[in-house]
């Protein structure tokens, strides 16, 4: 397509003013201390009639069946670490009203939830815990040894074809700037 240009920008630097037809952010607002300011920056960057699309998570939606204590502990570690970093692991369910309250029109939301009995979808929990280990230990949410043991157990869960894992709900919301 000749009339499409993609740009990558850093929200912390600002995105400009009335420059974009579409602004898309995935798994960004959950990590911000002030998601409202991040949202305002994205909306400012939109041209009138432009669309904002944001997608984020609600960790309350994740599950493991049959239930496993190691999975529940992983969820606790993730959620507490996110909060201590200034984030909101449940922001997704608030996104529709955040866009409405920010003045966007024609706000629409959709929910997806990756889950499965086998395959890569079951690797998200151990990979996530491996990636947040340093922050969890720094915030004293867990110890190195505990995280290592949980990661090993989460990989065992991922390999077990009789365990059904559902990752956090993802809510995608889009709205139009007047």
C-alpha atoms as a PDB file:
ATOM      1  CA  UNK A   1       0.000   0.000   0.000  1.00  0.00           C
ATOM      2  CA  UNK A   2       1.473   3.272  -1.070  1.00  0.00           C
ATOM      3  CA  UNK A   3      -0.519   5.464   1.304  1.00  0.00           C
ATOM      4  CA  UNK A   4       0.502   3.769   4.570  1.00  0.00           C
ATOM      5  CA  UNK A   5       3.385   4.774   6.775  1.00  0.00           C
ATOM      6  CA  UNK A   6       4.280   3.018  10.015  1.00  0.00           C
ATOM      7  CA  UNK A   7       6.094   4.820  12.806  1.00  0.00           C
ATOM      8  CA  UNK A   8       7.359   3.610  16.131  1.00  0.00           C
ATOM      9  CA  UNK A   9       7.439   6.202  18.898  1.00  0.00           C
ATOM     10  CA  UNK A  10       8.265   6.396  22.586  1.00  0.00           C
ATOM     11  CA  UNK A  11       5.287   7.453  24.668  1.00  0.00           C
ATOM     12  CA  UNK A  12       7.610   9.000  27.258  1.00  0.00           C
ATOM     13  CA  UNK A  13       8.901  11.417  24.611  1.00  0.00           C
ATOM     14  CA  UNK A  14       5.411  12.410  23.481  1.00  0.00           C
ATOM     15  CA  UNK A  15       3.902  11.416  20.165  1.00  0.00           C
ATOM     16  CA  UNK A  16       3.286  14.815  18.667  1.00  0.00           C
ATOM     17  CA  UNK A  17       0.051  16.633  17.992  1.00  0.00           C
ATOM     18  CA  UNK A  18      -2.606  15.656  15.441  1.00  0.00           C
ATOM     19  CA  UNK A  19      -0.099  13.616  13.414  1.00  0.00           C
ATOM     20  CA  UNK A  20      -1.651  10.156  13.167  1.00  0.00           C
ATOM     21  CA  UNK A  21      -4.727   8.545  11.676  1.00  0.00           C
ATOM     22  CA  UNK A  22      -4.244   5.539  13.988  1.00  0.00           C
ATOM     23  CA  UNK A  23      -2.371   5.086  17.256  1.00  0.00           C
ATOM     24  CA  UNK A  24      -2.038   1.503  18.495  1.00  0.00           C
ATOM     25  CA  UNK A  25      -0.645   0.440  21.855  1.00  0.00           C
ATOM     26  CA  UNK A  26      -0.503  -3.140  23.129  1.00  0.00           C
ATOM     27  CA  UNK A  27       0.366  -4.028  26.735  1.00  0.00           C
ATOM     28  CA  UNK A  28       1.583  -0.490  27.456  1.00  0.00           C
ATOM     29  CA  UNK A  29      -0.918   1.087  29.848  1.00  0.00           C
ATOM     30  CA  UNK A  30      -0.660  -1.788  32.348  1.00  0.00           C
ATOM     31  CA  UNK A  31       2.955  -0.772  33.022  1.00  0.00           C
ATOM     32  CA  UNK A  32       2.447   2.971  33.491  1.00  0.00           C
ATOM     33  CA  UNK A  33       2.223   4.779  36.824  1.00  0.00           C
ATOM     34  CA  UNK A  34      -0.141   7.257  35.152  1.00  0.00           C
ATOM     35  CA  UNK A  35      -2.019   5.448  32.379  1.00  0.00           C
ATOM     36  CA  UNK A  36      -4.374   8.414  31.997  1.00  0.00           C
ATOM     37  CA  UNK A  37      -1.462  10.639  30.975  1.00  0.00           C
ATOM     38  CA  UNK A  38      -0.277   8.000  28.507  1.00  0.00           C
ATOM     39  CA  UNK A  39      -3.755   7.784  27.034  1.00  0.00           C
ATOM     40  CA  UNK A  40      -3.984  11.585  26.783  1.00  0.00           C
ATOM     41  CA  UNK A  41      -0.667  11.680  24.896  1.00  0.00           C
ATOM     42  CA  UNK A  42      -1.952   9.107  22.417  1.00  0.00           C
ATOM     43  CA  UNK A  43      -5.188  11.014  21.878  1.00  0.00           C
ATOM     44  CA  UNK A  44      -3.319  14.294  21.403  1.00  0.00           C
ATOM     45  CA  UNK A  45      -1.281  12.597  18.667  1.00  0.00           C
ATOM     46  CA  UNK A  46      -4.428  11.648  16.727  1.00  0.00           C
ATOM     47  CA  UNK A  47      -5.831  13.728  13.912  1.00  0.00           C
ATOM     48  CA  UNK A  48      -9.542  14.572  14.208  1.00  0.00           C
ATOM     49  CA  UNK A  49     -11.413  11.447  13.124  1.00  0.00           C
ATOM     50  CA  UNK A  50      -8.371   9.326  13.949  1.00  0.00           C
ATOM     51  CA  UNK A  51      -8.635   6.027  15.780  1.00  0.00           C
ATOM     52  CA  UNK A  52      -6.999   4.970  18.988  1.00  0.00           C
ATOM     53  CA  UNK A  53      -6.622   1.218  19.520  1.00  0.00           C
ATOM     54  CA  UNK A  54      -5.385   0.004  22.899  1.00  0.00           C
ATOM     55  CA  UNK A  55      -5.051  -3.564  24.057  1.00  0.00           C
ATOM     56  CA  UNK A  56      -4.144  -4.661  27.542  1.00  0.00           C
ATOM     57  CA  UNK A  57      -4.513  -7.395  30.137  1.00  0.00           C
ATOM     58  CA  UNK A  58      -6.659  -8.378  33.080  1.00  0.00           C
ATOM     59  CA  UNK A  59      -4.689 -10.903  35.114  1.00  0.00           C
ATOM     60  CA  UNK A  60      -7.798 -11.891  37.077  1.00  0.00           C
ATOM     61  CA  UNK A  61      -8.839 -13.918  34.043  1.00  0.00           C
ATOM     62  CA  UNK A  62      -5.940 -16.366  33.983  1.00  0.00           C
ATOM     63  CA  UNK A  63      -6.506 -19.926  35.178  1.00  0.00           C
ATOM     64  CA  UNK A  64      -5.102 -23.414  35.435  1.00  0.00           C
ATOM     65  CA  UNK A  65      -7.282 -26.523  35.528  1.00  0.00           C
ATOM     66  CA  UNK A  66      -6.769 -28.627  37.485  1.00  0.00           C
ATOM     67  CA  UNK A  67      -5.761 -25.923  39.936  1.00  0.00           C
ATOM     68  CA  UNK A  68      -2.112 -25.875  40.939  1.00  0.00           C
ATOM     69  CA  UNK A  69      -0.603 -24.025  43.873  1.00  0.00           C
ATOM     70  CA  UNK A  70       2.431 -23.128  41.764  1.00  0.00           C
ATOM     71  CA  UNK A  71       0.224 -21.436  39.159  1.00  0.00           C
ATOM     72  CA  UNK A  72      -1.652 -19.485  41.831  1.00  0.00           C
ATOM     73  CA  UNK A  73       1.650 -18.349  43.352  1.00  0.00           C
ATOM     74  CA  UNK A  74       2.922 -17.265  39.916  1.00  0.00           C
ATOM     75  CA  UNK A  75      -0.183 -15.099  39.530  1.00  0.00           C
ATOM     76  CA  UNK A  76       0.376 -13.544  42.978  1.00  0.00           C
ATOM     77  CA  UNK A  77       4.005 -12.785  42.180  1.00  0.00           C
ATOM     78  CA  UNK A  78       3.126 -11.211  38.833  1.00  0.00           C
ATOM     79  CA  UNK A  79       0.315  -9.055  40.196  1.00  0.00           C
ATOM     80  CA  UNK A  80       2.223  -7.830  43.262  1.00  0.00           C
ATOM     81  CA  UNK A  81       5.366  -7.107  41.231  1.00  0.00           C
ATOM     82  CA  UNK A  82       3.320  -5.151  38.698  1.00  0.00           C
ATOM     83  CA  UNK A  83       1.675  -3.082  41.454  1.00  0.00           C
ATOM     84  CA  UNK A  84       5.000  -2.390  43.173  1.00  0.00           C
ATOM     85  CA  UNK A  85       6.376  -1.192  39.835  1.00  0.00           C
ATOM     86  CA  UNK A  86       3.489   1.269  39.639  1.00  0.00           C
ATOM     87  CA  UNK A  87       1.469  -0.708  37.114  1.00  0.00           C
ATOM     88  CA  UNK A  88      -2.052  -2.117  37.081  1.00  0.00           C
ATOM     89  CA  UNK A  89      -2.361  -5.823  36.194  1.00  0.00           C
ATOM     90  CA  UNK A  90      -6.149  -5.438  35.839  1.00  0.00           C
ATOM     91  CA  UNK A  91      -6.357  -2.301  33.709  1.00  0.00           C
ATOM     92  CA  UNK A  92      -7.989  -4.005  30.731  1.00  0.00           C
ATOM     93  CA  UNK A  93     -11.502  -4.000  32.129  1.00  0.00           C
ATOM     94  CA  UNK A  94     -11.287  -0.247  32.732  1.00  0.00           C
ATOM     95  CA  UNK A  95     -10.173   0.598  29.179  1.00  0.00           C
ATOM     96  CA  UNK A  96     -13.601   1.139  27.600  1.00  0.00           C
ATOM     97  CA  UNK A  97     -14.622   3.786  30.146  1.00  0.00           C
ATOM     98  CA  UNK A  98     -11.154   5.332  30.077  1.00  0.00           C
ATOM     99  CA  UNK A  99     -11.590   5.989  26.345  1.00  0.00           C
ATOM    100  CA  UNK A 100     -15.136   7.292  26.814  1.00  0.00           C
ATOM    101  CA  UNK A 101     -14.044   9.543  29.687  1.00  0.00           C
ATOM    102  CA  UNK A 102     -11.159  10.816  27.538  1.00  0.00           C
ATOM    103  CA  UNK A 103     -13.701  12.063  24.997  1.00  0.00           C
ATOM    104  CA  UNK A 104     -13.451   9.424  22.275  1.00  0.00           C
ATOM    105  CA  UNK A 105     -16.563   8.494  20.298  1.00  0.00           C
ATOM    106  CA  UNK A 106     -17.822   5.165  18.972  1.00  0.00           C
ATOM    107  CA  UNK A 107     -15.900   3.206  21.593  1.00  0.00           C
ATOM    108  CA  UNK A 108     -16.006  -0.551  20.998  1.00  0.00           C
ATOM    109  CA  UNK A 109     -14.381  -3.341  23.011  1.00  0.00           C
ATOM    110  CA  UNK A 110     -13.577  -6.995  22.398  1.00  0.00           C
ATOM    111  CA  UNK A 111     -12.150  -9.665  24.687  1.00  0.00           C
ATOM    112  CA  UNK A 112      -9.838 -12.519  23.760  1.00  0.00           C
ATOM    113  CA  UNK A 113      -8.204 -15.091  25.960  1.00  0.00           C
ATOM    114  CA  UNK A 114      -5.488 -17.409  24.676  1.00  0.00           C
ATOM    115  CA  UNK A 115      -5.788 -20.841  26.282  1.00  0.00           C
ATOM    116  CA  UNK A 116      -5.031 -24.448  25.570  1.00  0.00           C
ATOM    117  CA  UNK A 117      -4.192 -27.969  26.617  1.00  0.00           C
ATOM    118  CA  UNK A 118      -0.959 -27.959  24.643  1.00  0.00           C
ATOM    119  CA  UNK A 119       1.303 -25.766  22.579  1.00  0.00           C
ATOM    120  CA  UNK A 120       3.075 -22.455  22.925  1.00  0.00           C
ATOM    121  CA  UNK A 121       0.100 -20.791  24.629  1.00  0.00           C
ATOM    122  CA  UNK A 122       0.990 -22.749  27.782  1.00  0.00           C
ATOM    123  CA  UNK A 123       4.542 -21.371  27.816  1.00  0.00           C
ATOM    124  CA  UNK A 124       3.488 -17.805  28.611  1.00  0.00           C
ATOM    125  CA  UNK A 125       3.383 -18.314  32.425  1.00  0.00           C
ATOM    126  CA  UNK A 126       6.922 -19.731  32.839  1.00  0.00           C
ATOM    127  CA  UNK A 127       8.366 -17.280  30.307  1.00  0.00           C
ATOM    128  CA  UNK A 128       6.643 -14.354  32.024  1.00  0.00           C
ATOM    129  CA  UNK A 129       7.903 -15.369  35.449  1.00  0.00           C
ATOM    130  CA  UNK A 130      11.442 -15.787  34.104  1.00  0.00           C
ATOM    131  CA  UNK A 131      11.257 -12.284  32.648  1.00  0.00           C
ATOM    132  CA  UNK A 132      10.018 -10.592  35.832  1.00  0.00           C
ATOM    133  CA  UNK A 133      12.277 -12.537  38.192  1.00  0.00           C
ATOM    134  CA  UNK A 134      14.727  -9.689  38.832  1.00  0.00           C
ATOM    135  CA  UNK A 135      11.900  -7.235  39.622  1.00  0.00           C
ATOM    136  CA  UNK A 136      10.086  -9.728  41.870  1.00  0.00           C
ATOM    137  CA  UNK A 137      13.270 -10.419  43.819  1.00  0.00           C
ATOM    138  CA  UNK A 138      14.163  -6.714  44.011  1.00  0.00           C
ATOM    139  CA  UNK A 139      10.714  -5.931  45.442  1.00  0.00           C
ATOM    140  CA  UNK A 140      11.013  -8.918  47.807  1.00  0.00           C
ATOM    141  CA  UNK A 141       7.858 -10.483  46.413  1.00  0.00           C
ATOM    142  CA  UNK A 142       9.755 -13.759  45.954  1.00  0.00           C
ATOM    143  CA  UNK A 143      13.244 -15.170  46.319  1.00  0.00           C
ATOM    144  CA  UNK A 144      15.534 -16.371  43.539  1.00  0.00           C
ATOM    145  CA  UNK A 145      15.061 -19.965  44.670  1.00  0.00           C
ATOM    146  CA  UNK A 146      11.286 -19.689  44.829  1.00  0.00           C
ATOM    147  CA  UNK A 147      11.074 -18.210  41.330  1.00  0.00           C
ATOM    148  CA  UNK A 148      13.395 -20.882  39.934  1.00  0.00           C
ATOM    149  CA  UNK A 149      11.303 -23.659  41.511  1.00  0.00           C
ATOM    150  CA  UNK A 150       8.047 -22.116  40.261  1.00  0.00           C
ATOM    151  CA  UNK A 151       9.415 -21.689  36.739  1.00  0.00           C
ATOM    152  CA  UNK A 152      10.365 -25.383  36.684  1.00  0.00           C
ATOM    153  CA  UNK A 153       6.862 -26.329  37.866  1.00  0.00           C
ATOM    154  CA  UNK A 154       5.246 -24.037  35.294  1.00  0.00           C
ATOM    155  CA  UNK A 155       7.224 -25.716  32.523  1.00  0.00           C
ATOM    156  CA  UNK A 156       5.963 -29.071  33.852  1.00  0.00           C
ATOM    157  CA  UNK A 157       2.400 -27.743  33.714  1.00  0.00           C
ATOM    158  CA  UNK A 158       3.012 -26.560  30.147  1.00  0.00           C
ATOM    159  CA  UNK A 159       4.177 -30.047  29.165  1.00  0.00           C
ATOM    160  CA  UNK A 160       1.189 -31.786  30.789  1.00  0.00           C
ATOM    161  CA  UNK A 161      -1.507 -32.388  28.123  1.00  0.00           C
ATOM    162  CA  UNK A 162      -4.114 -32.879  30.877  1.00  0.00           C
ATOM    163  CA  UNK A 163      -3.710 -29.381  32.279  1.00  0.00           C
ATOM    164  CA  UNK A 164      -5.709 -26.575  30.695  1.00  0.00           C
ATOM    165  CA  UNK A 165      -4.120 -23.130  30.998  1.00  0.00           C
ATOM    166  CA  UNK A 166      -5.818 -19.827  30.272  1.00  0.00           C
ATOM    167  CA  UNK A 167      -3.667 -16.733  30.033  1.00  0.00           C
ATOM    168  CA  UNK A 168      -4.867 -13.303  31.150  1.00  0.00           C
ATOM    169  CA  UNK A 169      -7.863 -11.867  29.360  1.00  0.00           C
ATOM    170  CA  UNK A 170      -6.937  -9.312  26.775  1.00  0.00           C
ATOM    171  CA  UNK A 171      -9.283  -6.438  26.100  1.00  0.00           C
ATOM    172  CA  UNK A 172      -8.899  -4.490  22.884  1.00  0.00           C
ATOM    173  CA  UNK A 173     -10.700  -1.154  22.754  1.00  0.00           C
ATOM    174  CA  UNK A 174     -10.883   1.338  19.960  1.00  0.00           C
ATOM    175  CA  UNK A 175     -12.452   4.733  19.680  1.00  0.00           C
ATOM    176  CA  UNK A 176     -12.524   7.740  17.386  1.00  0.00           C
ATOM    177  CA  UNK A 177     -11.278  11.229  18.144  1.00  0.00           C
ATOM    178  CA  UNK A 178     -13.997  13.813  17.422  1.00  0.00           C
END
